[in-house]
């Protein structure tokens, strides 16, 4: 994953922004993918730990609705 890939995905979110539920889902997935990439590929142990800790919120069982 590189910056241009993230920029393309941000543009895809902008392209569907009139459908807020779809845009919200794409945004959530982008954040999770970026965090996962940092957690698994960063050479900075602090950044890996932060990203990994943040990703654990997805393990919490609660009803997720569009914000």
PDB file of N, CA and C in Angstrom:
ATOM      1  N   UNK A   1       0.859  -1.170   0.000  1.00  0.00           N
ATOM      2  CA  UNK A   1       0.000   0.000   0.000  1.00  0.00           C
ATOM      3  C   UNK A   1       0.904   1.232   0.000  1.00  0.00           C
ATOM      4  N   UNK A   2       0.597   2.168  -0.880  1.00  0.00           N
ATOM      5  CA  UNK A   2       1.336   3.419  -0.889  1.00  0.00           C
ATOM      6  C   UNK A   2       0.352   4.596  -0.888  1.00  0.00           C
ATOM      7  N   UNK A   3       0.883   5.790  -0.814  1.00  0.00           N
ATOM      8  CA  UNK A   3       0.045   6.984  -0.700  1.00  0.00           C
ATOM      9  C   UNK A   3      -0.897   7.118  -1.893  1.00  0.00           C
ATOM     10  N   UNK A   4      -0.428   6.808  -3.084  1.00  0.00           N
ATOM     11  CA  UNK A   4      -1.303   6.943  -4.254  1.00  0.00           C
ATOM     12  C   UNK A   4      -2.497   5.990  -4.167  1.00  0.00           C
ATOM     13  N   UNK A   5      -2.287   4.803  -3.608  1.00  0.00           N
ATOM     14  CA  UNK A   5      -3.385   3.852  -3.430  1.00  0.00           C
ATOM     15  C   UNK A   5      -4.412   4.426  -2.455  1.00  0.00           C
ATOM     16  N   UNK A   6      -3.940   5.004  -1.371  1.00  0.00           N
ATOM     17  CA  UNK A   6      -4.853   5.614  -0.390  1.00  0.00           C
ATOM     18  C   UNK A   6      -5.586   6.791  -1.028  1.00  0.00           C
ATOM     19  N   UNK A   7      -4.885   7.605  -1.794  1.00  0.00           N
ATOM     20  CA  UNK A   7      -5.521   8.747  -2.460  1.00  0.00           C
ATOM     21  C   UNK A   7      -6.623   8.281  -3.414  1.00  0.00           C
ATOM     22  N   UNK A   8      -6.397   7.185  -4.126  1.00  0.00           N
ATOM     23  CA  UNK A   8      -7.418   6.634  -5.016  1.00  0.00           C
ATOM     24  C   UNK A   8      -8.647   6.201  -4.228  1.00  0.00           C
ATOM     25  N   UNK A   9      -8.422   5.614  -3.086  1.00  0.00           N
ATOM     26  CA  UNK A   9      -9.554   5.170  -2.270  1.00  0.00           C
ATOM     27  C   UNK A   9     -10.300   6.348  -1.659  1.00  0.00           C
ATOM     28  N   UNK A  10      -9.580   7.399  -1.300  1.00  0.00           N
ATOM     29  CA  UNK A  10     -10.237   8.615  -0.813  1.00  0.00           C
ATOM     30  C   UNK A  10     -11.107   9.203  -1.925  1.00  0.00           C
ATOM     31  N   UNK A  11     -10.593   9.208  -3.136  1.00  0.00           N
ATOM     32  CA  UNK A  11     -11.385   9.706  -4.270  1.00  0.00           C
ATOM     33  C   UNK A  11     -12.621   8.852  -4.482  1.00  0.00           C
ATOM     34  N   UNK A  12     -12.486   7.544  -4.318  1.00  0.00           N
ATOM     35  CA  UNK A  12     -13.644   6.656  -4.456  1.00  0.00           C
ATOM     36  C   UNK A  12     -14.708   6.995  -3.414  1.00  0.00           C
ATOM     37  N   UNK A  13     -14.285   7.361  -2.221  1.00  0.00           N
ATOM     38  CA  UNK A  13     -15.233   7.780  -1.174  1.00  0.00           C
ATOM     39  C   UNK A  13     -15.924   9.062  -1.605  1.00  0.00           C
ATOM     40  N   UNK A  14     -15.147  10.009  -2.108  1.00  0.00           N
ATOM     41  CA  UNK A  14     -15.731  11.270  -2.589  1.00  0.00           C
ATOM     42  C   UNK A  14     -16.731  11.011  -3.710  1.00  0.00           C
ATOM     43  N   UNK A  15     -16.411  10.066  -4.570  1.00  0.00           N
ATOM     44  CA  UNK A  15     -17.282   9.764  -5.709  1.00  0.00           C
ATOM     45  C   UNK A  15     -18.642   9.226  -5.285  1.00  0.00           C
ATOM     46  N   UNK A  16     -18.723   8.577  -4.139  1.00  0.00           N
ATOM     47  CA  UNK A  16     -20.004   8.020  -3.682  1.00  0.00           C
ATOM     48  C   UNK A  16     -20.560   8.776  -2.480  1.00  0.00           C
ATOM     49  N   UNK A  17     -20.055   9.963  -2.225  1.00  0.00           N
ATOM     50  CA  UNK A  17     -20.406  10.691  -1.000  1.00  0.00           C
ATOM     51  C   UNK A  17     -21.896  11.011  -0.883  1.00  0.00           C
ATOM     52  N   UNK A  18     -22.626  11.007  -1.981  1.00  0.00           N
ATOM     53  CA  UNK A  18     -24.081  11.242  -1.885  1.00  0.00           C
ATOM     54  C   UNK A  18     -24.781  10.055  -1.212  1.00  0.00           C
ATOM     55  N   UNK A  19     -24.171   8.900  -1.263  1.00  0.00           N
ATOM     56  CA  UNK A  19     -24.682   7.711  -0.568  1.00  0.00           C
ATOM     57  C   UNK A  19     -23.859   7.573   0.718  1.00  0.00           C
ATOM     58  N   UNK A  20     -24.305   8.269   1.773  1.00  0.00           N
ATOM     59  CA  UNK A  20     -23.493   8.374   2.982  1.00  0.00           C
ATOM     60  C   UNK A  20     -23.202   7.021   3.625  1.00  0.00           C
ATOM     61  N   UNK A  21     -24.116   6.075   3.532  1.00  0.00           N
ATOM     62  CA  UNK A  21     -23.858   4.766   4.134  1.00  0.00           C
ATOM     63  C   UNK A  21     -22.723   4.050   3.394  1.00  0.00           C
ATOM     64  N   UNK A  22     -22.759   4.103   2.084  1.00  0.00           N
ATOM     65  CA  UNK A  22     -21.698   3.479   1.294  1.00  0.00           C
ATOM     66  C   UNK A  22     -20.367   4.184   1.552  1.00  0.00           C
ATOM     67  N   UNK A  23     -20.391   5.518   1.532  1.00  0.00           N
ATOM     68  CA  UNK A  23     -19.167   6.289   1.771  1.00  0.00           C
ATOM     69  C   UNK A  23     -18.604   5.994   3.160  1.00  0.00           C
ATOM     70  N   UNK A  24     -19.480   5.909   4.138  1.00  0.00           N
ATOM     71  CA  UNK A  24     -19.050   5.623   5.505  1.00  0.00           C
ATOM     72  C   UNK A  24     -18.392   4.247   5.593  1.00  0.00           C
ATOM     73  N   UNK A  25     -18.986   3.272   4.948  1.00  0.00           N
ATOM     74  CA  UNK A  25     -18.414   1.927   4.947  1.00  0.00           C
ATOM     75  C   UNK A  25     -17.048   1.887   4.272  1.00  0.00           C
ATOM     76  N   UNK A  26     -16.919   2.578   3.139  1.00  0.00           N
ATOM     77  CA  UNK A  26     -15.629   2.636   2.452  1.00  0.00           C
ATOM     78  C   UNK A  26     -14.577   3.332   3.319  1.00  0.00           C
ATOM     79  N   UNK A  27     -14.997   4.379   4.010  1.00  0.00           N
ATOM     80  CA  UNK A  27     -14.066   5.096   4.882  1.00  0.00           C
ATOM     81  C   UNK A  27     -13.607   4.210   6.039  1.00  0.00           C
ATOM     82  N   UNK A  28     -14.538   3.522   6.671  1.00  0.00           N
ATOM     83  CA  UNK A  28     -14.176   2.608   7.762  1.00  0.00           C
ATOM     84  C   UNK A  28     -13.189   1.548   7.284  1.00  0.00           C
ATOM     85  N   UNK A  29     -13.445   0.991   6.097  1.00  0.00           N
ATOM     86  CA  UNK A  29     -12.568  -0.042   5.566  1.00  0.00           C
ATOM     87  C   UNK A  29     -11.190   0.532   5.229  1.00  0.00           C
ATOM     88  N   UNK A  30     -11.158   1.745   4.705  1.00  0.00           N
ATOM     89  CA  UNK A  30      -9.873   2.389   4.416  1.00  0.00           C
ATOM     90  C   UNK A  30      -9.065   2.559   5.694  1.00  0.00           C
ATOM     91  N   UNK A  31      -9.695   3.071   6.735  1.00  0.00           N
ATOM     92  CA  UNK A  31      -8.981   3.258   8.000  1.00  0.00           C
ATOM     93  C   UNK A  31      -8.442   1.930   8.523  1.00  0.00           C
ATOM     94  N   UNK A  32      -9.270   0.895   8.483  1.00  0.00           N
ATOM     95  CA  UNK A  32      -8.834  -0.415   8.972  1.00  0.00           C
ATOM     96  C   UNK A  32      -7.679  -0.953   8.128  1.00  0.00           C
ATOM     97  N   UNK A  33      -7.754  -0.779   6.822  1.00  0.00           N
ATOM     98  CA  UNK A  33      -6.685  -1.277   5.943  1.00  0.00           C
ATOM     99  C   UNK A  33      -5.373  -0.528   6.171  1.00  0.00           C
ATOM    100  N   UNK A  34      -5.468   0.782   6.358  1.00  0.00           N
ATOM    101  CA  UNK A  34      -4.249   1.571   6.609  1.00  0.00           C
ATOM    102  C   UNK A  34      -3.637   1.159   7.946  1.00  0.00           C
ATOM    103  N   UNK A  35      -4.465   1.031   8.968  1.00  0.00           N
ATOM    104  CA  UNK A  35      -3.945   0.611  10.271  1.00  0.00           C
ATOM    105  C   UNK A  35      -3.323  -0.784  10.191  1.00  0.00           C
ATOM    106  N   UNK A  36      -3.978  -1.695   9.487  1.00  0.00           N
ATOM    107  CA  UNK A  36      -3.430  -3.049   9.347  1.00  0.00           C
ATOM    108  C   UNK A  36      -2.095  -3.017   8.617  1.00  0.00           C
ATOM    109  N   UNK A  37      -1.986  -2.179   7.614  1.00  0.00           N
ATOM    110  CA  UNK A  37      -0.730  -2.066   6.880  1.00  0.00           C
ATOM    111  C   UNK A  37       0.377  -1.542   7.782  1.00  0.00           C
ATOM    112  N   UNK A  38       0.070  -0.536   8.573  1.00  0.00           N
ATOM    113  CA  UNK A  38       1.063   0.013   9.504  1.00  0.00           C
ATOM    114  C   UNK A  38       1.443  -1.045  10.532  1.00  0.00           C
ATOM    115  N   UNK A  39       0.439  -1.744  11.062  1.00  0.00           N
ATOM    116  CA  UNK A  39       0.687  -2.745  12.102  1.00  0.00           C
ATOM    117  C   UNK A  39       1.569  -3.887  11.618  1.00  0.00           C
ATOM    118  N   UNK A  40       1.521  -4.179  10.327  1.00  0.00           N
ATOM    119  CA  UNK A  40       2.270  -5.332   9.829  1.00  0.00           C
ATOM    120  C   UNK A  40       3.535  -4.990   9.059  1.00  0.00           C
ATOM    121  N   UNK A  41       3.677  -3.739   8.606  1.00  0.00           N
ATOM    122  CA  UNK A  41       4.832  -3.437   7.755  1.00  0.00           C
ATOM    123  C   UNK A  41       5.735  -2.329   8.260  1.00  0.00           C
ATOM    124  N   UNK A  42       5.281  -1.557   9.228  1.00  0.00           N
ATOM    125  CA  UNK A  42       6.100  -0.442   9.700  1.00  0.00           C
ATOM    126  C   UNK A  42       7.372  -0.947  10.374  1.00  0.00           C
ATOM    127  N   UNK A  43       8.441  -0.200  10.199  1.00  0.00           N
ATOM    128  CA  UNK A  43       9.690  -0.517  10.900  1.00  0.00           C
ATOM    129  C   UNK A  43       9.758   0.183  12.252  1.00  0.00           C
ATOM    130  N   UNK A  44       8.747   0.976  12.552  1.00  0.00           N
ATOM    131  CA  UNK A  44       8.679   1.694  13.824  1.00  0.00           C
ATOM    132  C   UNK A  44       7.838   0.874  14.802  1.00  0.00           C
ATOM    133  N   UNK A  45       8.447   0.317  15.839  1.00  0.00           N
ATOM    134  CA  UNK A  45       7.689  -0.533  16.763  1.00  0.00           C
ATOM    135  C   UNK A  45       6.567   0.221  17.472  1.00  0.00           C
ATOM    136  N   UNK A  46       6.751   1.495  17.733  1.00  0.00           N
ATOM    137  CA  UNK A  46       5.703   2.287  18.391  1.00  0.00           C
ATOM    138  C   UNK A  46       4.502   2.430  17.455  1.00  0.00           C
ATOM    139  N   UNK A  47       4.749   2.728  16.188  1.00  0.00           N
ATOM    140  CA  UNK A  47       3.661   2.852  15.214  1.00  0.00           C
ATOM    141  C   UNK A  47       2.928   1.520  15.058  1.00  0.00           C
ATOM    142  N   UNK A  48       3.667   0.413  14.996  1.00  0.00           N
ATOM    143  CA  UNK A  48       3.038  -0.914  14.904  1.00  0.00           C
ATOM    144  C   UNK A  48       2.142  -1.176  16.106  1.00  0.00           C
ATOM    145  N   UNK A  49       2.637  -0.839  17.296  1.00  0.00           N
ATOM    146  CA  UNK A  49       1.856  -1.076  18.517  1.00  0.00           C
ATOM    147  C   UNK A  49       0.597  -0.218  18.541  1.00  0.00           C
ATOM    148  N   UNK A  50       0.714   1.046  18.161  1.00  0.00           N
ATOM    149  CA  UNK A  50      -0.457   1.930  18.134  1.00  0.00           C
ATOM    150  C   UNK A  50      -1.509   1.421  17.154  1.00  0.00           C
ATOM    151  N   UNK A  51      -1.079   1.075  15.956  1.00  0.00           N
ATOM    152  CA  UNK A  51      -2.019   0.606  14.942  1.00  0.00           C
ATOM    153  C   UNK A  51      -2.682  -0.698  15.371  1.00  0.00           C
ATOM    154  N   UNK A  52      -1.892  -1.598  15.910  1.00  0.00           N
ATOM    155  CA  UNK A  52      -2.447  -2.872  16.370  1.00  0.00           C
ATOM    156  C   UNK A  52      -3.452  -2.681  17.487  1.00  0.00           C
ATOM    157  N   UNK A  53      -3.145  -1.788  18.408  1.00  0.00           N
ATOM    158  CA  UNK A  53      -4.072  -1.515  19.519  1.00  0.00           C
ATOM    159  C   UNK A  53      -5.372  -0.913  19.003  1.00  0.00           C
ATOM    160  N   UNK A  54      -5.285   0.012  18.066  1.00  0.00           N
ATOM    161  CA  UNK A  54      -6.489   0.641  17.514  1.00  0.00           C
ATOM    162  C   UNK A  54      -7.354  -0.373  16.779  1.00  0.00           C
ATOM    163  N   UNK A  55      -6.737  -1.298  16.081  1.00  0.00           N
ATOM    164  CA  UNK A  55      -7.495  -2.315  15.342  1.00  0.00           C
ATOM    165  C   UNK A  55      -8.303  -3.221  16.260  1.00  0.00           C
ATOM    166  N   UNK A  56      -7.890  -3.372  17.494  1.00  0.00           N
ATOM    167  CA  UNK A  56      -8.622  -4.236  18.425  1.00  0.00           C
ATOM    168  C   UNK A  56     -10.032  -3.725  18.711  1.00  0.00           C
ATOM    169  N   UNK A  57     -10.308  -2.450  18.413  1.00  0.00           N
ATOM    170  CA  UNK A  57     -11.672  -1.950  18.626  1.00  0.00           C
ATOM    171  C   UNK A  57     -12.673  -2.692  17.740  1.00  0.00           C
ATOM    172  N   UNK A  58     -12.212  -3.228  16.620  1.00  0.00           N
ATOM    173  CA  UNK A  58     -13.129  -3.965  15.736  1.00  0.00           C
ATOM    174  C   UNK A  58     -13.584  -5.279  16.352  1.00  0.00           C
ATOM    175  N   UNK A  59     -12.934  -5.720  17.407  1.00  0.00           N
ATOM    176  CA  UNK A  59     -13.311  -6.957  18.083  1.00  0.00           C
ATOM    177  C   UNK A  59     -14.427  -6.748  19.102  1.00  0.00           C
ATOM    178  N   UNK A  60     -14.767  -5.504  19.387  1.00  0.00           N
ATOM    179  CA  UNK A  60     -15.822  -5.189  20.359  1.00  0.00           C
ATOM    180  C   UNK A  60     -17.177  -5.424  19.704  1.00  0.00           C
ATOM    181  N   UNK A  61     -18.015  -6.195  20.378  1.00  0.00           N
ATOM    182  CA  UNK A  61     -19.309  -6.545  19.830  1.00  0.00           C
ATOM    183  C   UNK A  61     -20.332  -5.473  20.199  1.00  0.00           C
ATOM    184  N   UNK A  62     -20.704  -4.672  19.204  1.00  0.00           N
ATOM    185  CA  UNK A  62     -21.786  -3.706  19.360  1.00  0.00           C
ATOM    186  C   UNK A  62     -22.394  -3.470  17.994  1.00  0.00           C
ATOM    187  N   UNK A  63     -23.627  -2.978  17.987  1.00  0.00           N
ATOM    188  CA  UNK A  63     -24.311  -2.751  16.720  1.00  0.00           C
ATOM    189  C   UNK A  63     -23.657  -1.584  15.997  1.00  0.00           C
ATOM    190  N   UNK A  64     -23.238  -1.818  14.769  1.00  0.00           N
ATOM    191  CA  UNK A  64     -22.591  -0.778  13.970  1.00  0.00           C
ATOM    192  C   UNK A  64     -23.574  -0.292  12.912  1.00  0.00           C
ATOM    193  N   UNK A  65     -23.923   0.964  13.007  1.00  0.00           N
ATOM    194  CA  UNK A  65     -24.803   1.605  12.046  1.00  0.00           C
ATOM    195  C   UNK A  65     -24.066   2.760  11.410  1.00  0.00           C
ATOM    196  N   UNK A  66     -24.552   3.236  10.305  1.00  0.00           N
ATOM    197  CA  UNK A  66     -23.929   4.403   9.663  1.00  0.00           C
ATOM    198  C   UNK A  66     -23.972   5.585  10.617  1.00  0.00           C
ATOM    199  N   UNK A  67     -22.877   6.307  10.692  1.00  0.00           N
ATOM    200  CA  UNK A  67     -22.799   7.449  11.598  1.00  0.00           C
ATOM    201  C   UNK A  67     -23.465   8.660  11.017  1.00  0.00           C
TER     202      UNK A  67
END
